[in-house]
């Protein structure tokens, strides 16, 4: 059984594949991409991955609002996956905000360079402090 941190790592890998495949004309099925990463189906992973894909436009707009002199599409695909996952979980799930932010930063530390970690942290912090998270603490 994997813990949620490990499952978020899988979500980043799946989203990374989705972003790569979206830039090609290769047809793919998100459920198949998830199954390639997991030996058993997991509702948490399905919810996060499909939620990010469904809400990507809103996530992109919000990320771009707080990225200074940058856009989410200029980030590497893995950094975009990490930030998109973090924003989705912060806005659309009942995971406590502090957990969303901490987990996003930990993912960024594992995959990104120091400057990008700081950028992702700043965006997550700004969303937490400036956006209506429906009373989420």
N, C-alpha and C. Protein backbone atom coordinates (compact mmCIF):
# COMPACT_ATOMS: atom_id res chain seq x y z
N UNK A 1 0.84 -1.20 0.00
CA UNK A 1 0.00 0.00 0.00
C UNK A 1 0.88 1.25 0.00
N UNK A 2 0.62 2.16 -0.88
CA UNK A 2 1.41 3.38 -0.99
C UNK A 2 0.77 4.50 -0.18
N UNK A 3 1.61 5.38 0.35
CA UNK A 3 1.05 6.53 1.07
C UNK A 3 0.70 7.64 0.07
N UNK A 4 0.05 8.67 0.55
CA UNK A 4 -0.42 9.72 -0.36
C UNK A 4 0.71 10.49 -1.02
N UNK A 5 1.83 10.63 -0.33
CA UNK A 5 2.98 11.31 -0.95
C UNK A 5 3.46 10.51 -2.16
N UNK A 6 3.54 9.21 -2.02
CA UNK A 6 3.95 8.35 -3.14
C UNK A 6 2.92 8.40 -4.26
N UNK A 7 1.65 8.47 -3.91
CA UNK A 7 0.60 8.54 -4.92
C UNK A 7 0.64 9.87 -5.67
N UNK A 8 0.97 10.95 -4.98
CA UNK A 8 1.12 12.24 -5.66
C UNK A 8 2.28 12.18 -6.65
N UNK A 9 3.34 11.49 -6.28
CA UNK A 9 4.48 11.32 -7.16
C UNK A 9 4.04 10.61 -8.45
N UNK A 10 3.21 9.61 -8.32
CA UNK A 10 2.67 8.90 -9.48
C UNK A 10 1.81 9.85 -10.33
N UNK A 11 1.02 10.70 -9.66
CA UNK A 11 0.20 11.67 -10.39
C UNK A 11 1.07 12.58 -11.25
N UNK A 12 2.18 13.03 -10.69
CA UNK A 12 3.10 13.91 -11.44
C UNK A 12 3.62 13.17 -12.67
N UNK A 13 3.99 11.92 -12.51
CA UNK A 13 4.50 11.13 -13.64
C UNK A 13 3.45 10.98 -14.73
N UNK A 14 2.21 10.72 -14.34
CA UNK A 14 1.13 10.56 -15.32
C UNK A 14 0.86 11.90 -16.01
N UNK A 15 0.77 12.98 -15.24
CA UNK A 15 0.52 14.29 -15.85
C UNK A 15 1.66 14.70 -16.79
N UNK A 16 2.88 14.37 -16.40
CA UNK A 16 4.03 14.64 -17.26
C UNK A 16 3.83 13.93 -18.62
N UNK A 17 3.42 12.66 -18.57
CA UNK A 17 3.17 11.92 -19.82
C UNK A 17 2.04 12.57 -20.62
N UNK A 18 0.99 13.00 -19.94
CA UNK A 18 -0.14 13.64 -20.61
C UNK A 18 0.33 14.90 -21.34
N UNK A 19 1.14 15.73 -20.67
CA UNK A 19 1.61 16.97 -21.29
C UNK A 19 2.50 16.69 -22.50
N UNK A 20 3.32 15.66 -22.41
CA UNK A 20 4.17 15.28 -23.56
C UNK A 20 3.28 14.80 -24.71
N UNK A 21 2.35 13.90 -24.40
CA UNK A 21 1.49 13.33 -25.45
C UNK A 21 0.56 14.38 -26.06
N UNK A 22 0.16 15.38 -25.26
CA UNK A 22 -0.70 16.44 -25.79
C UNK A 22 0.01 17.25 -26.87
N UNK A 23 1.34 17.27 -26.85
CA UNK A 23 2.10 18.01 -27.86
C UNK A 23 2.37 17.19 -29.11
N UNK A 24 1.89 15.96 -29.12
CA UNK A 24 2.05 15.08 -30.29
C UNK A 24 0.67 14.72 -30.82
N UNK A 25 0.65 13.99 -31.85
CA UNK A 25 -0.64 13.52 -32.38
C UNK A 25 -0.92 12.09 -31.94
N UNK A 26 -0.24 11.66 -30.90
CA UNK A 26 -0.42 10.30 -30.40
C UNK A 26 -1.68 10.23 -29.54
N UNK A 27 -2.53 9.28 -29.86
CA UNK A 27 -3.73 9.08 -29.06
C UNK A 27 -3.36 8.32 -27.79
N UNK A 28 -4.00 8.66 -26.69
CA UNK A 28 -3.72 7.98 -25.43
C UNK A 28 -4.98 7.96 -24.58
N UNK A 29 -4.97 7.08 -23.61
CA UNK A 29 -6.06 6.96 -22.67
C UNK A 29 -5.48 7.21 -21.27
N UNK A 30 -6.02 8.18 -20.56
CA UNK A 30 -5.49 8.53 -19.24
C UNK A 30 -5.53 7.34 -18.30
N UNK A 31 -6.60 6.57 -18.36
CA UNK A 31 -6.72 5.41 -17.46
C UNK A 31 -5.58 4.41 -17.71
N UNK A 32 -5.21 4.25 -18.97
CA UNK A 32 -4.10 3.34 -19.30
C UNK A 32 -2.78 3.88 -18.75
N UNK A 33 -2.57 5.19 -18.87
CA UNK A 33 -1.35 5.79 -18.33
C UNK A 33 -1.27 5.58 -16.81
N UNK A 34 -2.41 5.72 -16.14
CA UNK A 34 -2.44 5.51 -14.69
C UNK A 34 -2.14 4.05 -14.37
N UNK A 35 -2.77 3.13 -15.11
CA UNK A 35 -2.56 1.70 -14.86
C UNK A 35 -1.10 1.29 -15.07
N UNK A 36 -0.40 1.96 -15.98
CA UNK A 36 1.02 1.66 -16.20
C UNK A 36 1.86 2.00 -14.97
N UNK A 37 1.38 2.93 -14.15
CA UNK A 37 2.12 3.38 -12.97
C UNK A 37 1.70 2.66 -11.68
N UNK A 38 0.50 2.11 -11.67
CA UNK A 38 -0.07 1.51 -10.45
C UNK A 38 -0.45 0.07 -10.70
N UNK A 39 -0.15 -0.77 -9.73
CA UNK A 39 -0.54 -2.18 -9.88
C UNK A 39 -2.03 -2.40 -9.55
N UNK A 40 -2.59 -1.54 -8.71
CA UNK A 40 -4.03 -1.63 -8.42
C UNK A 40 -4.64 -0.24 -8.62
N UNK A 41 -5.91 -0.22 -8.95
CA UNK A 41 -6.59 1.05 -9.16
C UNK A 41 -6.62 1.84 -7.86
N UNK A 42 -6.50 3.14 -7.96
CA UNK A 42 -6.49 3.99 -6.79
C UNK A 42 -7.35 5.22 -7.04
N UNK A 43 -8.38 5.38 -6.23
CA UNK A 43 -9.32 6.48 -6.42
C UNK A 43 -8.65 7.85 -6.23
N UNK A 44 -7.72 7.95 -5.29
CA UNK A 44 -7.01 9.20 -5.03
C UNK A 44 -6.26 9.65 -6.29
N UNK A 45 -5.52 8.74 -6.90
CA UNK A 45 -4.77 9.06 -8.13
C UNK A 45 -5.73 9.42 -9.26
N UNK A 46 -6.78 8.62 -9.44
CA UNK A 46 -7.76 8.90 -10.50
C UNK A 46 -8.38 10.28 -10.33
N UNK A 47 -8.75 10.62 -9.10
CA UNK A 47 -9.38 11.91 -8.81
C UNK A 47 -8.42 13.06 -9.12
N UNK A 48 -7.19 12.94 -8.66
CA UNK A 48 -6.24 14.04 -8.88
C UNK A 48 -5.88 14.20 -10.35
N UNK A 49 -5.51 13.13 -11.01
CA UNK A 49 -5.09 13.23 -12.41
C UNK A 49 -6.24 13.73 -13.29
N UNK A 50 -7.40 13.10 -13.18
CA UNK A 50 -8.53 13.52 -14.01
C UNK A 50 -9.01 14.92 -13.65
N UNK A 51 -8.91 15.28 -12.37
CA UNK A 51 -9.29 16.63 -11.94
C UNK A 51 -8.39 17.69 -12.53
N UNK A 52 -7.08 17.44 -12.53
CA UNK A 52 -6.14 18.40 -13.13
C UNK A 52 -6.45 18.56 -14.61
N UNK A 53 -6.66 17.46 -15.30
CA UNK A 53 -6.96 17.53 -16.74
C UNK A 53 -8.25 18.30 -16.98
N UNK A 54 -9.27 18.00 -16.21
CA UNK A 54 -10.59 18.65 -16.37
C UNK A 54 -10.50 20.16 -16.09
N UNK A 55 -9.73 20.55 -15.10
CA UNK A 55 -9.66 21.95 -14.67
C UNK A 55 -8.40 22.67 -15.13
N UNK A 56 -7.69 22.11 -16.12
CA UNK A 56 -6.39 22.69 -16.53
C UNK A 56 -6.51 24.15 -16.93
N UNK A 57 -7.57 24.55 -17.61
CA UNK A 57 -7.68 25.95 -18.03
C UNK A 57 -7.74 26.89 -16.83
N UNK A 58 -8.56 26.55 -15.82
CA UNK A 58 -8.66 27.39 -14.62
C UNK A 58 -7.34 27.37 -13.85
N UNK A 59 -6.71 26.21 -13.77
CA UNK A 59 -5.42 26.07 -13.07
C UNK A 59 -4.37 26.93 -13.76
N UNK A 60 -4.33 26.88 -15.08
CA UNK A 60 -3.36 27.66 -15.85
C UNK A 60 -3.56 29.16 -15.62
N UNK A 61 -4.82 29.61 -15.67
CA UNK A 61 -5.12 31.03 -15.44
C UNK A 61 -4.65 31.48 -14.07
N UNK A 62 -4.95 30.67 -13.07
CA UNK A 62 -4.57 31.02 -11.70
C UNK A 62 -3.06 31.01 -11.52
N UNK A 63 -2.40 30.02 -12.07
CA UNK A 63 -0.93 29.96 -11.98
C UNK A 63 -0.32 31.19 -12.64
N UNK A 64 -0.80 31.53 -13.82
CA UNK A 64 -0.25 32.67 -14.56
C UNK A 64 -0.49 33.99 -13.83
N UNK A 65 -1.59 34.07 -13.08
CA UNK A 65 -1.90 35.26 -12.29
C UNK A 65 -0.80 35.54 -11.26
N UNK A 66 -0.20 34.48 -10.72
CA UNK A 66 0.78 34.64 -9.64
C UNK A 66 2.23 34.35 -10.03
N UNK A 67 2.45 33.85 -11.24
CA UNK A 67 3.84 33.67 -11.71
C UNK A 67 4.34 35.03 -12.19
N UNK A 68 5.40 35.52 -11.60
CA UNK A 68 5.93 36.85 -11.96
C UNK A 68 6.79 36.74 -13.22
N UNK A 69 6.39 37.50 -14.26
CA UNK A 69 7.14 37.53 -15.52
C UNK A 69 7.36 36.14 -16.12
N UNK A 70 6.38 35.26 -15.97
CA UNK A 70 6.52 33.87 -16.39
C UNK A 70 5.12 33.33 -16.66
N UNK A 71 5.03 32.22 -17.38
CA UNK A 71 3.74 31.53 -17.51
C UNK A 71 3.97 30.06 -17.23
N UNK A 72 2.90 29.37 -16.86
CA UNK A 72 3.00 27.95 -16.53
C UNK A 72 3.48 27.14 -17.73
N UNK A 73 3.13 27.57 -18.93
CA UNK A 73 3.53 26.82 -20.12
C UNK A 73 5.01 26.99 -20.45
N UNK A 74 5.68 27.94 -19.82
CA UNK A 74 7.13 28.09 -19.99
C UNK A 74 7.90 27.20 -19.02
N UNK A 75 7.22 26.70 -18.00
CA UNK A 75 7.87 25.78 -17.07
C UNK A 75 8.13 24.46 -17.79
N UNK A 76 9.05 23.67 -17.25
CA UNK A 76 9.23 22.32 -17.81
C UNK A 76 7.93 21.54 -17.58
N UNK A 77 7.75 20.49 -18.34
CA UNK A 77 6.51 19.71 -18.21
C UNK A 77 6.37 19.11 -16.81
N UNK A 78 7.47 18.71 -16.20
CA UNK A 78 7.38 18.14 -14.85
C UNK A 78 7.03 19.24 -13.84
N UNK A 79 7.58 20.43 -14.00
CA UNK A 79 7.25 21.53 -13.10
C UNK A 79 5.79 21.96 -13.27
N UNK A 80 5.33 21.96 -14.52
CA UNK A 80 3.92 22.27 -14.78
C UNK A 80 3.03 21.22 -14.11
N UNK A 81 3.42 19.96 -14.19
CA UNK A 81 2.64 18.88 -13.56
C UNK A 81 2.59 19.07 -12.04
N UNK A 82 3.72 19.40 -11.44
CA UNK A 82 3.77 19.59 -9.98
C UNK A 82 2.89 20.76 -9.57
N UNK A 83 3.05 21.89 -10.23
CA UNK A 83 2.27 23.08 -9.88
C UNK A 83 0.78 22.87 -10.14
N UNK A 84 0.44 22.26 -11.26
CA UNK A 84 -0.98 22.01 -11.58
C UNK A 84 -1.61 21.09 -10.55
N UNK A 85 -0.88 20.04 -10.17
CA UNK A 85 -1.38 19.11 -9.16
C UNK A 85 -1.60 19.84 -7.84
N UNK A 86 -0.64 20.65 -7.42
CA UNK A 86 -0.77 21.39 -6.17
C UNK A 86 -1.94 22.34 -6.17
N UNK A 87 -2.10 23.09 -7.24
CA UNK A 87 -3.22 24.03 -7.34
C UNK A 87 -4.54 23.29 -7.33
N UNK A 88 -4.62 22.20 -8.10
CA UNK A 88 -5.87 21.43 -8.11
C UNK A 88 -6.22 20.94 -6.72
N UNK A 89 -5.25 20.35 -6.04
CA UNK A 89 -5.54 19.79 -4.72
C UNK A 89 -5.92 20.89 -3.73
N UNK A 90 -5.29 22.04 -3.86
CA UNK A 90 -5.59 23.17 -2.98
C UNK A 90 -7.01 23.69 -3.21
N UNK A 91 -7.42 23.78 -4.46
CA UNK A 91 -8.72 24.38 -4.79
C UNK A 91 -9.90 23.41 -4.75
N UNK A 92 -9.66 22.17 -5.17
CA UNK A 92 -10.79 21.29 -5.46
C UNK A 92 -10.92 20.06 -4.56
N UNK A 93 -10.05 19.93 -3.56
CA UNK A 93 -10.16 18.76 -2.68
C UNK A 93 -10.30 19.24 -1.24
N UNK A 94 -10.58 18.30 -0.35
CA UNK A 94 -10.68 18.67 1.06
C UNK A 94 -9.38 18.43 1.82
N UNK A 95 -8.29 18.18 1.10
CA UNK A 95 -6.98 18.08 1.74
C UNK A 95 -6.65 19.42 2.38
N UNK A 96 -6.22 19.45 3.64
CA UNK A 96 -5.88 20.73 4.28
C UNK A 96 -4.86 21.52 3.46
N UNK A 97 -5.04 22.83 3.41
CA UNK A 97 -4.19 23.70 2.58
C UNK A 97 -2.72 23.52 2.89
N UNK A 98 -2.36 23.45 4.16
CA UNK A 98 -0.95 23.33 4.53
C UNK A 98 -0.34 22.03 3.99
N UNK A 99 -1.14 20.97 3.97
CA UNK A 99 -0.69 19.69 3.41
C UNK A 99 -0.48 19.83 1.90
N UNK A 100 -1.43 20.45 1.22
CA UNK A 100 -1.29 20.67 -0.23
C UNK A 100 -0.01 21.42 -0.55
N UNK A 101 0.23 22.49 0.17
CA UNK A 101 1.41 23.32 -0.08
C UNK A 101 2.68 22.54 0.22
N UNK A 102 2.74 21.91 1.39
CA UNK A 102 3.94 21.15 1.76
C UNK A 102 4.24 20.01 0.79
N UNK A 103 3.21 19.28 0.39
CA UNK A 103 3.40 18.16 -0.54
C UNK A 103 3.88 18.67 -1.91
N UNK A 104 3.34 19.80 -2.35
CA UNK A 104 3.77 20.38 -3.62
C UNK A 104 5.23 20.79 -3.57
N UNK A 105 5.63 21.41 -2.47
CA UNK A 105 7.03 21.83 -2.32
C UNK A 105 7.95 20.61 -2.26
N UNK A 106 7.55 19.56 -1.57
CA UNK A 106 8.37 18.35 -1.50
C UNK A 106 8.55 17.73 -2.89
N UNK A 107 7.48 17.69 -3.68
CA UNK A 107 7.59 17.19 -5.06
C UNK A 107 8.56 18.07 -5.86
N UNK A 108 8.43 19.37 -5.71
CA UNK A 108 9.31 20.29 -6.44
C UNK A 108 10.77 20.08 -6.02
N UNK A 109 11.02 19.87 -4.73
CA UNK A 109 12.39 19.63 -4.27
C UNK A 109 12.97 18.36 -4.89
N UNK A 110 12.11 17.36 -5.12
CA UNK A 110 12.56 16.10 -5.70
C UNK A 110 12.88 16.21 -7.20
N UNK A 111 12.18 17.09 -7.90
CA UNK A 111 12.28 17.12 -9.36
C UNK A 111 12.80 18.42 -9.96
N UNK A 112 12.80 19.49 -9.20
CA UNK A 112 13.07 20.81 -9.78
C UNK A 112 14.33 21.44 -9.18
N UNK A 113 14.82 22.47 -9.86
CA UNK A 113 15.98 23.16 -9.29
C UNK A 113 15.51 24.19 -8.26
N UNK A 114 16.46 24.75 -7.54
CA UNK A 114 16.18 25.63 -6.40
C UNK A 114 15.28 26.81 -6.78
N UNK A 115 15.54 27.45 -7.92
CA UNK A 115 14.75 28.61 -8.32
C UNK A 115 13.30 28.25 -8.59
N UNK A 116 13.09 27.11 -9.23
CA UNK A 116 11.73 26.68 -9.53
C UNK A 116 10.98 26.30 -8.26
N UNK A 117 11.67 25.67 -7.31
CA UNK A 117 11.04 25.35 -6.02
C UNK A 117 10.52 26.64 -5.38
N UNK A 118 11.34 27.69 -5.40
CA UNK A 118 10.93 28.97 -4.84
C UNK A 118 9.75 29.57 -5.57
N UNK A 119 9.76 29.45 -6.90
CA UNK A 119 8.66 29.98 -7.71
C UNK A 119 7.36 29.24 -7.40
N UNK A 120 7.42 27.93 -7.34
CA UNK A 120 6.23 27.11 -7.04
C UNK A 120 5.72 27.43 -5.63
N UNK A 121 6.63 27.56 -4.69
CA UNK A 121 6.26 27.90 -3.32
C UNK A 121 5.54 29.25 -3.28
N UNK A 122 6.08 30.24 -4.01
CA UNK A 122 5.49 31.58 -4.03
C UNK A 122 4.08 31.55 -4.62
N UNK A 123 3.89 30.80 -5.68
CA UNK A 123 2.56 30.71 -6.32
C UNK A 123 1.56 30.04 -5.37
N UNK A 124 1.96 28.93 -4.78
CA UNK A 124 1.06 28.22 -3.86
C UNK A 124 0.70 29.11 -2.66
N UNK A 125 1.69 29.81 -2.13
CA UNK A 125 1.48 30.69 -0.99
C UNK A 125 0.54 31.84 -1.36
N UNK A 126 0.74 32.43 -2.53
CA UNK A 126 -0.12 33.53 -2.99
C UNK A 126 -1.56 33.07 -3.17
N UNK A 127 -1.75 31.91 -3.77
CA UNK A 127 -3.10 31.38 -3.95
C UNK A 127 -3.75 31.15 -2.59
N UNK A 128 -3.00 30.57 -1.67
CA UNK A 128 -3.52 30.31 -0.32
C UNK A 128 -3.96 31.60 0.37
N UNK A 129 -3.17 32.66 0.24
CA UNK A 129 -3.47 33.90 0.95
C UNK A 129 -4.42 34.84 0.22
N UNK A 130 -4.51 34.72 -1.11
CA UNK A 130 -5.26 35.72 -1.88
C UNK A 130 -6.53 35.20 -2.55
N UNK A 131 -6.68 33.90 -2.66
CA UNK A 131 -7.85 33.34 -3.34
C UNK A 131 -8.85 32.81 -2.32
N UNK A 132 -10.10 32.75 -2.73
CA UNK A 132 -11.14 32.18 -1.86
C UNK A 132 -11.07 30.65 -1.96
N UNK A 133 -10.67 30.03 -0.88
CA UNK A 133 -10.56 28.57 -0.87
C UNK A 133 -11.75 27.94 -0.13
N UNK A 134 -12.87 28.64 -0.15
CA UNK A 134 -14.10 28.14 0.49
C UNK A 134 -13.87 27.78 1.96
N UNK A 135 -13.18 28.66 2.66
CA UNK A 135 -12.97 28.45 4.09
C UNK A 135 -11.97 27.39 4.45
N UNK A 136 -11.24 26.89 3.47
CA UNK A 136 -10.27 25.82 3.70
C UNK A 136 -9.08 26.34 4.49
N UNK A 137 -8.70 25.60 5.52
CA UNK A 137 -7.52 26.00 6.33
C UNK A 137 -6.36 25.12 5.98
